[in-house]
C-alpha atoms as a PDB file:
ATOM      1  CA  MET A   1     -20.666  33.734  18.985  1.00  0.00           C
ATOM      2  CA  LYS A   2     -18.060  31.447  20.568  1.00  0.00           C
ATOM      3  CA  THR A   3     -16.193  32.768  23.557  1.00  0.00           C
ATOM      4  CA  ASP A   4     -12.380  32.644  23.772  1.00  0.00           C
ATOM      5  CA  LEU A   5     -12.710  29.738  26.209  1.00  0.00           C
ATOM      6  CA  GLN A   6     -14.858  27.772  23.758  1.00  0.00           C
ATOM      7  CA  ARG A   7     -12.392  28.394  20.961  1.00  0.00           C
ATOM      8  CA  ALA A   8      -9.499  27.305  23.145  1.00  0.00           C
ATOM      9  CA  SER A   9     -11.232  24.020  23.953  1.00  0.00           C
ATOM     10  CA  LEU A  10     -12.216  23.444  20.326  1.00  0.00           C
ATOM     11  CA  TYR A  11      -8.688  23.026  18.942  1.00  0.00           C
ATOM     12  CA  PRO A  12      -7.521  20.258  21.347  1.00  0.00           C
ATOM     13  CA  SER A  13     -10.790  18.438  20.691  1.00  0.00           C
ATOM     14  CA  MET A  14     -10.266  18.703  16.917  1.00  0.00           C
ATOM     15  CA  ARG A  15      -6.673  17.479  17.253  1.00  0.00           C
ATOM     16  CA  ASN A  16      -7.802  14.496  19.347  1.00  0.00           C
ATOM     17  CA  ASN A  17     -10.460  13.558  16.781  1.00  0.00           C
ATOM     18  CA  LEU A  18      -7.882  13.706  14.008  1.00  0.00           C
ATOM     19  CA  GLN A  19      -5.410  11.607  16.006  1.00  0.00           C
ATOM     20  CA  ARG A  20      -8.010   8.860  16.388  1.00  0.00           C
ATOM     21  CA  VAL A  21      -7.850   8.327  12.625  1.00  0.00           C
ATOM     22  CA  GLY A  22      -4.092   8.815  12.390  1.00  0.00           C
ATOM     23  CA  LEU A  23      -4.080  12.437  11.242  1.00  0.00           C
ATOM     24  CA  THR A  24      -2.694  15.722  12.505  1.00  0.00           C
ATOM     25  CA  PRO A  25      -3.627  19.210  11.255  1.00  0.00           C
ATOM     26  CA  VAL A  26      -0.620  19.224   8.901  1.00  0.00           C
ATOM     27  CA  GLY A  27      -1.469  15.728   7.661  1.00  0.00           C
ATOM     28  CA  LEU A  28      -5.076  16.753   7.017  1.00  0.00           C
ATOM     29  CA  ILE A  29      -3.997  19.860   5.107  1.00  0.00           C
ATOM     30  CA  SER A  30      -1.591  17.728   3.038  1.00  0.00           C
ATOM     31  CA  LEU A  31      -4.396  15.341   2.075  1.00  0.00           C
ATOM     32  CA  ILE A  32      -6.654  18.255   1.145  1.00  0.00           C
ATOM     33  CA  LEU A  33      -3.931  19.739  -1.068  1.00  0.00           C
ATOM     34  CA  LEU A  34      -3.427  16.339  -2.691  1.00  0.00           C
ATOM     35  CA  GLY A  35      -7.150  16.083  -3.362  1.00  0.00           C
ATOM     36  CA  LEU A  36      -7.201  19.510  -5.035  1.00  0.00           C
ATOM     37  CA  ILE A  37      -4.653  18.536  -7.716  1.00  0.00           C
ATOM     38  CA  PRO A  38      -7.176  17.655 -10.490  1.00  0.00           C
ATOM     39  CA  ILE A  39      -9.004  20.946  -9.899  1.00  0.00           C
ATOM     40  CA  PHE A  40      -5.960  23.177 -10.346  1.00  0.00           C
ATOM     41  CA  VAL A  41      -3.833  20.995 -12.653  1.00  0.00           C
ATOM     42  CA  THR A  42      -5.155  20.642 -16.183  1.00  0.00           C
ATOM     43  CA  ASP A  43      -2.281  18.536 -17.541  1.00  0.00           C
ATOM     44  CA  ASN A  44      -3.522  14.936 -17.787  1.00  0.00           C
ATOM     45  CA  ALA A  45       0.053  13.619 -17.643  1.00  0.00           C
ATOM     46  CA  ILE A  46       0.615  15.157 -14.207  1.00  0.00           C
ATOM     47  CA  VAL A  47      -2.720  13.882 -12.878  1.00  0.00           C
ATOM     48  CA  ARG A  48      -1.908  10.407 -14.196  1.00  0.00           C
ATOM     49  CA  LEU A  49       1.493  10.570 -12.512  1.00  0.00           C
ATOM     50  CA  MET A  50      -0.121  11.463  -9.177  1.00  0.00           C
ATOM     51  CA  ILE A  51      -2.539   8.554  -9.606  1.00  0.00           C
ATOM     52  CA  SER A  52       0.473   6.251  -9.956  1.00  0.00           C
ATOM     53  CA  ALA A  53       2.064   7.836  -6.876  1.00  0.00           C
ATOM     54  CA  MET A  54      -1.091   7.319  -4.803  1.00  0.00           C
ATOM     55  CA  MET A  55      -1.416   3.754  -6.054  1.00  0.00           C
ATOM     56  CA  TYR A  56       2.133   2.900  -4.988  1.00  0.00           C
ATOM     57  CA  GLY A  57       1.452   4.717  -1.741  1.00  0.00           C
ATOM     58  CA  VAL A  58      -1.418   2.367  -0.908  1.00  0.00           C
ATOM     59  CA  PHE A  59       0.695  -0.648  -1.897  1.00  0.00           C
ATOM     60  CA  ALA A  60       3.515   0.564   0.362  1.00  0.00           C
ATOM     61  CA  MET A  61       1.121   1.127   3.282  1.00  0.00           C
ATOM     62  CA  ALA A  62      -0.241  -2.404   2.928  1.00  0.00           C
ATOM     63  CA  PHE A  63       3.303  -3.815   2.700  1.00  0.00           C
ATOM     64  CA  ASP A  64       4.432  -1.897   5.784  1.00  0.00           C
ATOM     65  CA  PHE A  65       1.372  -3.131   7.679  1.00  0.00           C
ATOM     66  CA  THR A  66       2.929  -6.604   7.550  1.00  0.00           C
ATOM     67  CA  SER A  67       6.643  -5.862   7.452  1.00  0.00           C
ATOM     68  CA  GLY A  68       6.624  -3.068   9.998  1.00  0.00           C
ATOM     69  CA  PHE A  69       4.258  -4.628  12.531  1.00  0.00           C
ATOM     70  CA  ILE A  70       4.535  -8.434  12.517  1.00  0.00           C
ATOM     71  CA  ASN A  71       8.070  -8.445  11.083  1.00  0.00           C
ATOM     72  CA  ILE A  72       7.331 -10.601   8.032  1.00  0.00           C
ATOM     73  CA  THR A  73       8.649  -9.312   4.705  1.00  0.00           C
ATOM     74  CA  ASN A  74       6.204 -10.370   2.001  1.00  0.00           C
ATOM     75  CA  PHE A  75       8.580 -10.914  -0.937  1.00  0.00           C
ATOM     76  CA  GLY A  76       5.607 -12.171  -2.952  1.00  0.00           C
ATOM     77  CA  PHE A  77       3.456  -9.076  -2.477  1.00  0.00           C
ATOM     78  CA  SER A  78       3.282  -8.607  -6.248  1.00  0.00           C
ATOM     79  CA  ALA A  79       1.402 -11.921  -6.415  1.00  0.00           C
ATOM     80  CA  PHE A  80      -1.605 -10.374  -4.669  1.00  0.00           C
ATOM     81  CA  TRP A  81      -1.375  -7.233  -6.776  1.00  0.00           C
ATOM     82  CA  GLY A  82      -1.542  -9.540  -9.808  1.00  0.00           C
ATOM     83  CA  ILE A  83      -4.335 -11.704  -8.380  1.00  0.00           C
ATOM     84  CA  GLY A  84      -6.529  -8.644  -7.877  1.00  0.00           C
ATOM     85  CA  ALA A  85      -5.695  -7.285 -11.329  1.00  0.00           C
ATOM     86  CA  TYR A  86      -6.351 -10.529 -13.200  1.00  0.00           C
ATOM     87  CA  THR A  87      -9.501 -11.305 -11.202  1.00  0.00           C
ATOM     88  CA  SER A  88     -11.141  -7.994 -12.068  1.00  0.00           C
ATOM     89  CA  ALA A  89      -9.830  -8.024 -15.650  1.00  0.00           C
ATOM     90  CA  ILE A  90     -11.090 -11.541 -16.396  1.00  0.00           C
ATOM     91  CA  LEU A  91     -14.483 -10.903 -14.818  1.00  0.00           C
ATOM     92  CA  SER A  92     -14.853  -7.685 -16.806  1.00  0.00           C
ATOM     93  CA  THR A  93     -13.418  -8.843 -20.142  1.00  0.00           C
ATOM     94  CA  LYS A  94     -14.503 -12.468 -20.287  1.00  0.00           C
ATOM     95  CA  LEU A  95     -17.785 -12.330 -18.341  1.00  0.00           C
ATOM     96  CA  GLY A  96     -18.890  -8.737 -18.910  1.00  0.00           C
ATOM     97  CA  MET A  97     -19.080  -7.926 -15.198  1.00  0.00           C
ATOM     98  CA  SER A  98     -19.009  -4.309 -14.058  1.00  0.00           C
ATOM     99  CA  PRO A  99     -15.469  -3.094 -13.259  1.00  0.00           C
ATOM    100  CA  TRP A 100     -16.810  -1.699  -9.975  1.00  0.00           C
ATOM    101  CA  ILE A 101     -17.818  -5.175  -8.894  1.00  0.00           C
ATOM    102  CA  GLY A 102     -14.426  -6.333 -10.142  1.00  0.00           C
ATOM    103  CA  LEU A 103     -12.710  -4.073  -7.604  1.00  0.00           C
ATOM    104  CA  PHE A 104     -14.575  -5.786  -4.781  1.00  0.00           C
ATOM    105  CA  CYS A 105     -13.899  -9.236  -6.255  1.00  0.00           C
ATOM    106  CA  GLY A 106     -10.182  -8.440  -6.561  1.00  0.00           C
ATOM    107  CA  PHE A 107     -10.156  -7.427  -2.903  1.00  0.00           C
ATOM    108  CA  ILE A 108     -11.922 -10.619  -1.799  1.00  0.00           C
ATOM    109  CA  THR A 109      -9.942 -12.992  -4.056  1.00  0.00           C
ATOM    110  CA  ALA A 110      -6.565 -11.628  -2.974  1.00  0.00           C
ATOM    111  CA  GLY A 111      -7.719 -11.728   0.654  1.00  0.00           C
ATOM    112  CA  ILE A 112      -8.752 -15.369   0.361  1.00  0.00           C
ATOM    113  CA  ALA A 113      -5.439 -16.213  -1.328  1.00  0.00           C
ATOM    114  CA  GLY A 114      -3.566 -14.419   1.449  1.00  0.00           C
ATOM    115  CA  PHE A 115      -5.580 -16.226   4.117  1.00  0.00           C
ATOM    116  CA  LEU A 116      -4.930 -19.664   2.596  1.00  0.00           C
ATOM    117  CA  LEU A 117      -1.249 -18.951   2.069  1.00  0.00           C
ATOM    118  CA  GLY A 118      -1.060 -17.613   5.613  1.00  0.00           C
ATOM    119  CA  LEU A 119      -2.554 -20.811   7.001  1.00  0.00           C
ATOM    120  CA  LEU A 120       0.105 -22.825   5.182  1.00  0.00           C
ATOM    121  CA  THR A 121       3.184 -20.690   5.755  1.00  0.00           C
ATOM    122  CA  ILE A 122       2.734 -18.005   8.404  1.00  0.00           C
ATOM    123  CA  ARG A 123       3.563 -20.394  11.237  1.00  0.00           C
ATOM    124  CA  LEU A 124       6.994 -20.860   9.675  1.00  0.00           C
ATOM    125  CA  GLY A 125       7.854 -17.239  10.378  1.00  0.00           C
ATOM    126  CA  GLY A 126      10.897 -15.282   9.314  1.00  0.00           C
ATOM    127  CA  ILE A 127      12.643 -15.985   6.045  1.00  0.00           C
ATOM    128  CA  PHE A 128      10.689 -19.209   5.410  1.00  0.00           C
ATOM    129  CA  ALA A 129       7.330 -17.434   5.144  1.00  0.00           C
ATOM    130  CA  SER A 130       8.910 -14.651   3.060  1.00  0.00           C
ATOM    131  CA  CYS A 131      10.441 -17.107   0.589  1.00  0.00           C
ATOM    132  CA  MET A 132       7.204 -19.080   0.268  1.00  0.00           C
ATOM    133  CA  THR A 133       5.282 -15.974  -0.814  1.00  0.00           C
ATOM    134  CA  TRP A 134       8.037 -15.272  -3.350  1.00  0.00           C
ATOM    135  CA  PHE A 135       7.711 -18.802  -4.778  1.00  0.00           C
ATOM    136  CA  VAL A 136       3.955 -18.295  -5.106  1.00  0.00           C
ATOM    137  CA  ALA A 137       4.553 -15.112  -7.112  1.00  0.00           C
ATOM    138  CA  LEU A 138       6.939 -16.967  -9.429  1.00  0.00           C
ATOM    139  CA  ALA A 139       4.400 -19.772  -9.882  1.00  0.00           C
ATOM    140  CA  LEU A 140       1.604 -17.317 -10.708  1.00  0.00           C
ATOM    141  CA  PHE A 141       3.880 -15.584 -13.216  1.00  0.00           C
ATOM    142  CA  ALA A 142       4.280 -18.911 -15.006  1.00  0.00           C
ATOM    143  CA  VAL A 143       0.527 -19.582 -14.879  1.00  0.00           C
ATOM    144  CA  ALA A 144      -0.353 -16.128 -16.259  1.00  0.00           C
ATOM    145  CA  THR A 145       2.198 -16.538 -19.045  1.00  0.00           C
ATOM    146  CA  ASN A 146       1.148 -20.019 -20.150  1.00  0.00           C
ATOM    147  CA  TRP A 147      -2.627 -20.080 -19.574  1.00  0.00           C
ATOM    148  CA  VAL A 148      -3.192 -18.164 -22.799  1.00  0.00           C
ATOM    149  CA  SER A 149      -6.892 -18.998 -23.148  1.00  0.00           C
ATOM    150  CA  LEU A 150      -7.647 -17.223 -19.879  1.00  0.00           C
ATOM    151  CA  THR A 151      -4.991 -14.509 -19.532  1.00  0.00           C
ATOM    152  CA  ASP A 152      -3.939 -13.948 -23.175  1.00  0.00           C
ATOM    153  CA  GLY A 153      -0.405 -14.776 -22.074  1.00  0.00           C
ATOM    154  CA  SER A 154       2.529 -12.483 -22.742  1.00  0.00           C
ATOM    155  CA  LYS A 155       0.663 -10.360 -25.305  1.00  0.00           C
ATOM    156  CA  GLY A 156      -1.405  -8.900 -22.467  1.00  0.00           C
ATOM    157  CA  LEU A 157      -5.060  -8.864 -21.492  1.00  0.00           C
ATOM    158  CA  GLY A 158      -6.989  -5.757 -22.509  1.00  0.00           C
ATOM    159  CA  VAL A 159      -9.166  -4.343 -19.740  1.00  0.00           C
ATOM    160  CA  ASP A 160     -12.214  -2.065 -19.820  1.00  0.00           C
ATOM    161  CA  PRO A 161     -11.764   1.338 -18.143  1.00  0.00           C
ATOM    162  CA  LEU A 162     -13.301   1.964 -14.757  1.00  0.00           C
ATOM    163  CA  ILE A 163     -14.638   5.328 -15.908  1.00  0.00           C
ATOM    164  CA  ASP A 164     -15.003   6.139 -19.602  1.00  0.00           C
ATOM    165  CA  ALA A 165     -13.873   9.765 -19.738  1.00  0.00           C
ATOM    166  CA  THR A 166     -11.349  11.976 -21.509  1.00  0.00           C
ATOM    167  CA  THR A 167      -9.759  13.164 -18.254  1.00  0.00           C
ATOM    168  CA  TYR A 168      -8.418  11.337 -15.211  1.00  0.00           C
ATOM    169  CA  THR A 169     -10.423  13.336 -12.670  1.00  0.00           C
ATOM    170  CA  GLY A 170     -12.938  10.583 -11.904  1.00  0.00           C
ATOM    171  CA  ILE A 171     -10.196   7.948 -11.697  1.00  0.00           C
ATOM    172  CA  PHE A 172      -8.136  10.214  -9.431  1.00  0.00           C
ATOM    173  CA  TYR A 173     -10.928  10.713  -6.930  1.00  0.00           C
ATOM    174  CA  THR A 174     -11.860   7.035  -6.968  1.00  0.00           C
ATOM    175  CA  LEU A 175      -8.329   6.150  -5.906  1.00  0.00           C
ATOM    176  CA  PHE A 176      -8.208   9.118  -3.515  1.00  0.00           C
ATOM    177  CA  ILE A 177     -11.235   7.715  -1.668  1.00  0.00           C
ATOM    178  CA  ILE A 178      -9.617   4.263  -1.585  1.00  0.00           C
ATOM    179  CA  LEU A 179      -6.384   5.800  -0.265  1.00  0.00           C
ATOM    180  CA  ILE A 180      -8.140   7.664   2.557  1.00  0.00           C
ATOM    181  CA  ALA A 181     -10.248   4.631   3.481  1.00  0.00           C
ATOM    182  CA  VAL A 182      -7.212   2.315   3.582  1.00  0.00           C
ATOM    183  CA  TYR A 183      -5.114   4.826   5.512  1.00  0.00           C
ATOM    184  CA  ILE A 184      -7.767   5.432   8.163  1.00  0.00           C
ATOM    185  CA  ALA A 185      -8.540   1.713   8.474  1.00  0.00           C
ATOM    186  CA  LEU A 186      -4.879   0.779   8.946  1.00  0.00           C
ATOM    187  CA  MET A 187      -4.221   3.608  11.394  1.00  0.00           C
ATOM    188  CA  VAL A 188      -7.292   2.779  13.479  1.00  0.00           C
ATOM    189  CA  ILE A 189      -6.291  -0.898  13.576  1.00  0.00           C
ATOM    190  CA  THR A 190      -2.679  -0.162  14.522  1.00  0.00           C
ATOM    191  CA  LYS A 191      -3.833   2.155  17.333  1.00  0.00           C
ATOM    192  CA  SER A 192      -6.211  -0.489  18.723  1.00  0.00           C
ATOM    193  CA  ASN A 193      -5.548  -3.510  20.931  1.00  0.00           C
ATOM    194  CA  ILE A 194      -5.091  -5.556  17.762  1.00  0.00           C
ATOM    195  CA  GLY A 195      -2.311  -3.202  16.684  1.00  0.00           C
ATOM    196  CA  THR A 196      -0.694  -3.613  20.107  1.00  0.00           C
ATOM    197  CA  ALA A 197      -0.745  -7.377  19.577  1.00  0.00           C
ATOM    198  CA  PHE A 198       0.843  -6.918  16.147  1.00  0.00           C
ATOM    199  CA  ARG A 199       3.673  -4.857  17.620  1.00  0.00           C
ATOM    200  CA  ALA A 200       4.236  -7.349  20.432  1.00  0.00           C
ATOM    201  CA  ILE A 201       4.516 -10.193  17.918  1.00  0.00           C
ATOM    202  CA  GLY A 202       6.864  -8.186  15.712  1.00  0.00           C
ATOM    203  CA  GLN A 203       9.174  -7.391  18.631  1.00  0.00           C
ATOM    204  CA  ASP A 204       9.227 -10.765  20.393  1.00  0.00           C
ATOM    205  CA  VAL A 205       6.965 -13.657  19.420  1.00  0.00           C
ATOM    206  CA  GLU A 206       7.756 -15.738  22.510  1.00  0.00           C
ATOM    207  CA  ALA A 207       7.103 -12.850  24.893  1.00  0.00           C
ATOM    208  CA  ALA A 208       3.825 -12.084  23.116  1.00  0.00           C
ATOM    209  CA  GLN A 209       2.778 -15.708  23.391  1.00  0.00           C
ATOM    210  CA  ALA A 210       3.647 -15.711  27.104  1.00  0.00           C
ATOM    211  CA  ALA A 211       1.371 -12.682  27.495  1.00  0.00           C
ATOM    212  CA  GLY A 212      -1.575 -14.671  26.110  1.00  0.00           C
ATOM    213  CA  ILE A 213      -1.414 -13.488  22.483  1.00  0.00           C
ATOM    214  CA  ASP A 214      -1.956 -16.106  19.777  1.00  0.00           C
ATOM    215  CA  PRO A 215       0.794 -15.249  17.219  1.00  0.00           C
ATOM    216  CA  SER A 216      -0.619 -17.387  14.400  1.00  0.00           C
ATOM    217  CA  LYS A 217      -4.082 -15.844  14.688  1.00  0.00           C
ATOM    218  CA  TYR A 218      -2.863 -12.249  14.586  1.00  0.00           C
ATOM    219  CA  LYS A 219      -0.285 -12.916  11.880  1.00  0.00           C
ATOM    220  CA  ILE A 220      -2.976 -14.395   9.629  1.00  0.00           C
ATOM    221  CA  ILE A 221      -5.328 -11.466  10.292  1.00  0.00           C
ATOM    222  CA  ASN A 222      -2.579  -9.008   9.424  1.00  0.00           C
ATOM    223  CA  PHE A 223      -1.347 -10.912   6.376  1.00  0.00           C
ATOM    224  CA  THR A 224      -4.860 -11.439   4.983  1.00  0.00           C
ATOM    225  CA  LEU A 225      -5.793  -7.769   5.242  1.00  0.00           C
ATOM    226  CA  SER A 226      -2.498  -6.662   3.667  1.00  0.00           C
ATOM    227  CA  CYS A 227      -2.982  -9.040   0.724  1.00  0.00           C
ATOM    228  CA  ALA A 228      -6.626  -7.983   0.281  1.00  0.00           C
ATOM    229  CA  ILE A 229      -5.607  -4.316   0.036  1.00  0.00           C
ATOM    230  CA  GLY A 230      -2.976  -5.298  -2.528  1.00  0.00           C
ATOM    231  CA  GLY A 231      -5.693  -7.064  -4.532  1.00  0.00           C
ATOM    232  CA  LEU A 232      -8.050  -4.081  -4.347  1.00  0.00           C
ATOM    233  CA  VAL A 233      -5.467  -1.652  -5.719  1.00  0.00           C
ATOM    234  CA  GLY A 234      -4.315  -4.303  -8.187  1.00  0.00           C
ATOM    235  CA  ALA A 235      -7.856  -4.447  -9.561  1.00  0.00           C
ATOM    236  CA  PHE A 236      -7.894  -0.662  -9.785  1.00  0.00           C
ATOM    237  CA  TYR A 237      -4.549  -0.776 -11.622  1.00  0.00           C
ATOM    238  CA  ALA A 238      -5.944  -3.176 -14.222  1.00  0.00           C
ATOM    239  CA  HIS A 239      -8.717  -0.775 -15.224  1.00  0.00           C
ATOM    240  CA  PHE A 240      -6.437   2.249 -14.931  1.00  0.00           C
ATOM    241  CA  SER A 241      -3.694   0.877 -17.190  1.00  0.00           C
ATOM    242  CA  GLY A 242      -6.046  -0.722 -19.726  1.00  0.00           C
ATOM    243  CA  ILE A 243      -3.839  -3.782 -20.185  1.00  0.00           C
ATOM    244  CA  ILE A 244      -2.161  -6.208 -17.816  1.00  0.00           C
ATOM    245  CA  LEU A 245       0.798  -8.503 -18.386  1.00  0.00           C
ATOM    246  CA  PRO A 246       2.256 -11.448 -16.460  1.00  0.00           C
ATOM    247  CA  LYS A 247       5.162  -9.208 -15.416  1.00  0.00           C
ATOM    248  CA  LEU A 248       2.863  -7.905 -12.665  1.00  0.00           C
ATOM    249  CA  PHE A 249       3.977 -10.965 -10.691  1.00  0.00           C
ATOM    250  CA  GLN A 250       7.690 -10.190 -11.077  1.00  0.00           C
ATOM    251  CA  THR A 251       9.845  -9.616  -8.012  1.00  0.00           C
ATOM    252  CA  SER A 252      10.935  -6.163  -9.205  1.00  0.00           C
ATOM    253  CA  ASN A 253       7.454  -4.820  -8.416  1.00  0.00           C
ATOM    254  CA  THR A 254       7.704  -6.101  -4.853  1.00  0.00           C
ATOM    255  CA  VAL A 255      11.206  -4.654  -4.475  1.00  0.00           C
ATOM    256  CA  GLU A 256       9.982  -1.180  -5.477  1.00  0.00           C
ATOM    257  CA  ILE A 257       7.089  -1.328  -3.003  1.00  0.00           C
ATOM    258  CA  MET A 258       9.391  -2.658  -0.276  1.00  0.00           C
ATOM    259  CA  ALA A 259      11.850   0.176  -0.922  1.00  0.00           C
ATOM    260  CA  LEU A 260       9.094   2.778  -0.557  1.00  0.00           C
ATOM    261  CA  ALA A 261       7.963   1.212   2.729  1.00  0.00           C
ATOM    262  CA  TYR A 262      11.494   1.005   4.161  1.00  0.00           C
ATOM    263  CA  ILE A 263      12.556   4.467   3.033  1.00  0.00           C
ATOM    264  CA  GLY A 264       9.312   5.873   4.411  1.00  0.00           C
ATOM    265  CA  GLY A 265       9.983   4.228   7.783  1.00  0.00           C
ATOM    266  CA  ARG A 266       9.041   0.765   9.017  1.00  0.00           C
ATOM    267  CA  GLY A 267       6.025   0.610  11.261  1.00  0.00           C
ATOM    268  CA  LYS A 268       4.881   4.099  10.223  1.00  0.00           C
ATOM    269  CA  ILE A 269       1.978   3.760   7.808  1.00  0.00           C
ATOM    270  CA  TRP A 270       1.978   7.440   6.880  1.00  0.00           C
ATOM    271  CA  GLY A 271       5.715   7.376   6.144  1.00  0.00           C
ATOM    272  CA  SER A 272       5.193   4.854   3.332  1.00  0.00           C
ATOM    273  CA  LEU A 273       2.457   6.989   1.810  1.00  0.00           C
ATOM    274  CA  LEU A 274       4.495  10.185   2.024  1.00  0.00           C
ATOM    275  CA  CYS A 275       7.539   8.488   0.506  1.00  0.00           C
ATOM    276  CA  ALA A 276       5.533   7.254  -2.496  1.00  0.00           C
ATOM    277  CA  ILE A 277       3.895  10.641  -3.111  1.00  0.00           C
ATOM    278  CA  VAL A 278       7.325  12.291  -3.163  1.00  0.00           C
ATOM    279  CA  LEU A 279       9.543   9.611  -4.698  1.00  0.00           C
ATOM    280  CA  ILE A 280       7.401   8.236  -7.552  1.00  0.00           C
ATOM    281  CA  PRO A 281       7.194  11.626  -9.342  1.00  0.00           C
ATOM    282  CA  VAL A 282      10.960  12.102  -8.811  1.00  0.00           C
ATOM    283  CA  MET A 283      11.691   8.684 -10.321  1.00  0.00           C
ATOM    284  CA  ASP A 284       9.394   9.474 -13.236  1.00  0.00           C
ATOM    285  CA  TYR A 285      11.301  12.719 -13.807  1.00  0.00           C
ATOM    286  CA  MET A 286      14.494  10.680 -14.184  1.00  0.00           C
ATOM    287  CA  LYS A 287      13.050   8.517 -16.965  1.00  0.00           C
ATOM    288  CA  GLY A 288      16.408   8.261 -18.685  1.00  0.00           C
ATOM    289  CA  LEU A 289      17.701   6.223 -15.745  1.00  0.00           C
ATOM    290  CA  MET A 290      14.745   3.871 -15.498  1.00  0.00           C
ATOM    291  CA  GLU A 291      16.857   0.834 -16.359  1.00  0.00           C
ATOM    292  CA  PHE A 292      18.652   1.602 -13.087  1.00  0.00           C
ATOM    293  CA  ARG A 293      15.412   2.142 -11.135  1.00  0.00           C
ATOM    294  CA  ILE A 294      15.871  -0.807  -8.784  1.00  0.00           C
ATOM    295  CA  ILE A 295      19.534   0.091  -8.257  1.00  0.00           C
ATOM    296  CA  LEU A 296      18.532   3.639  -7.290  1.00  0.00           C
ATOM    297  CA  TYR A 297      15.993   2.300  -4.828  1.00  0.00           C
ATOM    298  CA  GLY A 298      18.632  -0.033  -3.415  1.00  0.00           C
ATOM    299  CA  LEU A 299      21.095   2.835  -2.927  1.00  0.00           C
ATOM    300  CA  LEU A 300      18.430   4.926  -1.208  1.00  0.00           C
ATOM    301  CA  MET A 301      17.585   2.025   1.108  1.00  0.00           C
ATOM    302  CA  ILE A 302      21.258   1.559   2.013  1.00  0.00           C
ATOM    303  CA  MET A 303      21.652   5.264   2.758  1.00  0.00           C
ATOM    304  CA  ILE A 304      18.502   5.284   4.888  1.00  0.00           C
ATOM    305  CA  MET A 305      19.596   2.201   6.843  1.00  0.00           C
ATOM    306  CA  ILE A 306      23.039   3.703   7.520  1.00  0.00           C
ATOM    307  CA  TYR A 307      22.169   7.315   8.283  1.00  0.00           C
ATOM    308  CA  TYR A 308      18.497   7.260   9.274  1.00  0.00           C
ATOM    309  CA  PRO A 309      17.218   3.733  10.080  1.00  0.00           C
ATOM    310  CA  LYS A 310      13.779   5.079  11.012  1.00  0.00           C
ATOM    311  CA  GLY A 311      13.293   6.482   7.516  1.00  0.00           C
ATOM    312  CA  ILE A 312      11.542   9.666   6.456  1.00  0.00           C
ATOM    313  CA  ALA A 313       8.947   9.244   9.208  1.00  0.00           C
ATOM    314  CA  GLY A 314      11.702   9.027  11.806  1.00  0.00           C
ATOM    315  CA  PHE A 315      13.321  12.185  10.478  1.00  0.00           C
ATOM    316  CA  ILE A 316      10.050  14.121  10.602  1.00  0.00           C
ATOM    317  CA  GLU A 317       9.294  12.853  14.094  1.00  0.00           C
ATOM    318  CA  SER A 318      12.750  14.004  15.213  1.00  0.00           C
ATOM    319  CA  LEU A 319      11.735  17.497  14.092  1.00  0.00           C
ATOM    320  CA  LYS A 320       8.715  17.181  16.362  1.00  0.00           C
ATOM    321  CA  TYR A 321      10.938  16.698  19.399  1.00  0.00           C
ATOM    322  CA  LYS A 322      13.391  19.334  18.249  1.00  0.00           C
ATOM    323  CA  PHE A 323      10.735  22.041  17.928  1.00  0.00           C
ATOM    324  CA  GLY A 324       8.498  20.722  20.689  1.00  0.00           C
ATOM    325  CA  LYS A 325       5.396  20.165  18.602  1.00  0.00           C
ATOM    326  CA  LYS A 326       3.847  17.702  16.205  1.00  0.00           C
ATOM    327  CA  VAL A 327       4.923  18.392  12.667  1.00  0.00           C
ATOM    328  CA  ILE A 328       2.789  15.712  11.057  1.00  0.00           C
END
């Protein structure tokens, strides 16, 4: 049996191990509770809603990885969501490839697109790089709409399911694994020397360069990984929804993801995830106001920027200092 001294030393060790992957005891318990939803909830509609929430959570984390760390707002993020979705859908529907391979191909294709776009635009920095990604999304929207032989145009491209089942349990846990993997990967990176370089670039590019950091190199690494994650979840979305349309490339999708990241708290990966898990079900509950969805997000962003610029994550961290312990 463990002595009291052994037990006392066990808890700090456990906390330290969790912190290495960006978790605290409360965060770990929250993830466990999230993972138990399909076991205790039998309503497929609720499980599907939580799948959507997790999906937007991963999108928001990937968006915040760029916006919150290297200070580049990717207004064309929906382009990489769409690239991943159409890559996996076309490979599955037109070539008969396994949807599981399609997920990997969506990840790689979006990553390559992000890398090439980064090489061309990331050196511009600021609003110029942001606008260029937006123009790419608009161009891809036009391509997806007009290249009917490949994408089936505006009528939509039907996509095979990832898992052929009557419930969403398998789909839920597939995305849950992706969510945990992405979260841990991003948290480990942001806590490493690479993450320190990202923060330095985001705060002051010239100072970072004077310290021996190559801004272009680290910006491209960051941007490529963010786009690849967008493509991976985009590919998952294609098989989850069963049909994809050119509207995937529309700016409104990027605005919603950006709002989740900003409301969650810039530069706080877990804040984006938490915001999506909470806010997406709330927005779904207010279906009657969905034509005002973007306006609601805009109002929430304005309120956050005025009253709590650090977002939900900042508010929770303020509780940590108030009560003298880590809340999350």
